[in-house]
């Protein structure tokens, strides 16, 4: 982002500085406005937006064009009659990152929690100034996690990982001058990380969606908490994994580990000793060439994950064995959606 600002300043301001250690006030204000736009539109699931959306965030269209490396103008035909100017970030990950910047700066700088209260909050009444100053970053994280888990398509997954990563003081140093430092909260960074890791671990045990669980492991990784994954890696390398009766959270850790390895040619679900964790291991199907899932007591609930795997771009999956499972009509319908996708590369289905 700093590199793009250097390019902008050279082009428009004739600047010669090649290593700006601090953002100018105008640069900071513009980036935070773009970050607000990114957050608001990401919450709505929008990847393109209009001049009206820019104005709501205090952005002038001409001024925003100066930051064309971050936000570029594109054209879209509407109603088949005319073309309206619409805007988007050059890549979804830019929007997700800037959205995380807005959310975190709102918490640290403005003492505002941009996420709605959840069931774990106490009844919220009018908050006086003293209470407002006592915002806890771990509570902010908890609400963010809950908000992301409510998304059925996972559109807040990467945003959440950026948000947690930016919450570490070591990463904030890279954006000094843009983000208020975490020292402004009532918790130490160590205490915040400890509480957030504990909550993520709790949600891993509670969550039912395999895809959302995998993202929670990515979140733990952002915070440097990899003990469960490291335990699974040790068992995998020592060859003792088949002797362990895997708990659901261990199955999720194993799935995360296998997905990160990207070296799974054959995935035989029966080789893992678990009664409750088969569903949590299914995301591994996305990275393997041959998936043997026969006789694993899978139901229609498993088929949503399988259908998603079948529609993964550049999927290596060529052979899928689903014999001796009770998928039901509903499960077959879900599978057909994946099998009919132009992205599906299945050659053998039994």
Foldseek 3Di string as FASTA:
>chain_A
DVQLVVVLCCVPVVDDDRDDLADDPVVLLLLLLLLVLLQVCLLVVHQKAAPVSSVVSVHDPVVVVSSCQFKNWDWDDPPVPDIGIMIGGPDNLSSLLSPLLNQQQCCQPVLDQPADDDPPDDDDDDDDPVNSQADDVLNSLLRLLVSQLVDPVSSNLSSSLSNLLCLDQVNVSVVPNNHRHPVSHPDDSVVSLVSNLVSLLVVLLVDDQLVSNLSSQSSCVSSVNLVLLVVLVVCVVVVNQLVDADDQSSLLSVLNNLVVVLPAAEAELVSGHYDPHSLNNLLSQLRYQEYHPAPNQDELVSLLSVLVSQQDAPGNHAYYEHHHYHHDPNSVVSNVNSVPHPRGRYDYYD
